[in-house]
Every structure is written in C-alpha cells, then in structure tokens.
Amino acid sequence: MLDAADRLFHERRFQATTVRDIARNAGVSTGTVMSVGDKEALLVELFDGLIAERQAHADAQNYAADVRCGADAVAVVEPFAALFEERRSLAQAYASVLVSGRHASVVFTDLAQRLTAVFQQVITVCGCSNAAEAVKRAEALHAAYIGSLFIWAATPETSAQQFLTQLRDIFAAICPHTGGNS
C-alpha cells in the first residue's frame, strides 16, 4: 500500500489522491487501506520511512578531529534537506499533518534522539564543549533544525541551498567553534 500511495502522491499530489485511489492502485479494498490508517497516516508512515533511510546514513558517519561544529552539523542534515527539496509538495503536506497533531511521527521520538546523538558526536569531536554542554547544544541544534525545516517547508520560494545557508548561520550561533580543542 505504501508503494501505491507513494506513486499516487507523486503523480497526482497528496491532496488529489484519495484512499479509494490508493486501494485500487494497491489491489486491495478501501477497508484494508483504512485499517492501516487514513491518507494522512499513510503519508506520515511513508515520509518517516524516507527520513529513516537518510538517518541511517547520518548514524554511520565517523567524524575526524578537524570537525567544524556548526558547519559539520549542517552537513549532517543536508540529506534531509535534499529529501524535502526532492519531494517539496509532499514534504509540505507531511509538515502540515505533523504540526496539526493529528498523527504521531518517529521524527519527534526515535529519529529525534538519533539525530541529536549525531549532533552531540560532532560537538564532542569538535572539542568546544564539555559533555553536559554538548548535550544541551545538540538538543538546541535539533530544535533549531526542526523549526527551521518546517518553516522552510512552508516557504516554497526558498531553495534548499538558501535553507542550508540560513541553517549554517543559526547553527554557528548555537555552536560557533570552528574546530580544534579549546
């Protein structure tokens, strides 16, 4: 069903796709689709899966001693910005559903913890913060990233490159160190 939903969301856009369309395309009944959830639930499940794939890449990174806190933290989220850019209208619908509170997402639970841990790793390798401060800065980076990402999703005139430039400035304010040990 997710493949059918993904295909239809891409071809027709989220708003124009119905549960009946998804069921027909997946070769199942409308009731079967609804047992999984409504169209919004399918969108959240689909997009969470796409984000989780990109998160696995971030989790696997190893950072060297020449890390620049803010800049390398932005590099961590570039794959997510690329995903939102590639699927801009779907990303906007996804952000809208999450902000509405109608559906829960792993973006605010498991994936948030994983991304915050990667930020903490970058900050720790950078050497500009003690352990307790690194945790707080990592949490601040994550909060700034999510907030900025959702604002960006609502401003289609802003490109991914412009978003990442703005994010670099925000991250530099939170974690201004540029490498080396303090």
Foldseek 3Di string as FASTA:
>chain_A
DLVLLVVCCVVPNLVRDALCSSCVSVVHHSVVSCVCHGSLSSLQVNVLVVVVVLLVVLLPDDDAQQFFLLVVLLVSCLVVLVVCQVVLRSVLSNLVCVVVVPDDHCVPPVSLVSSLVSSLNSLVSQAEDDNVLSSVLSNVLSVVVVVLSNVCSVPVVQHSVNSSVVSSVVSCVSRVGRGDHD
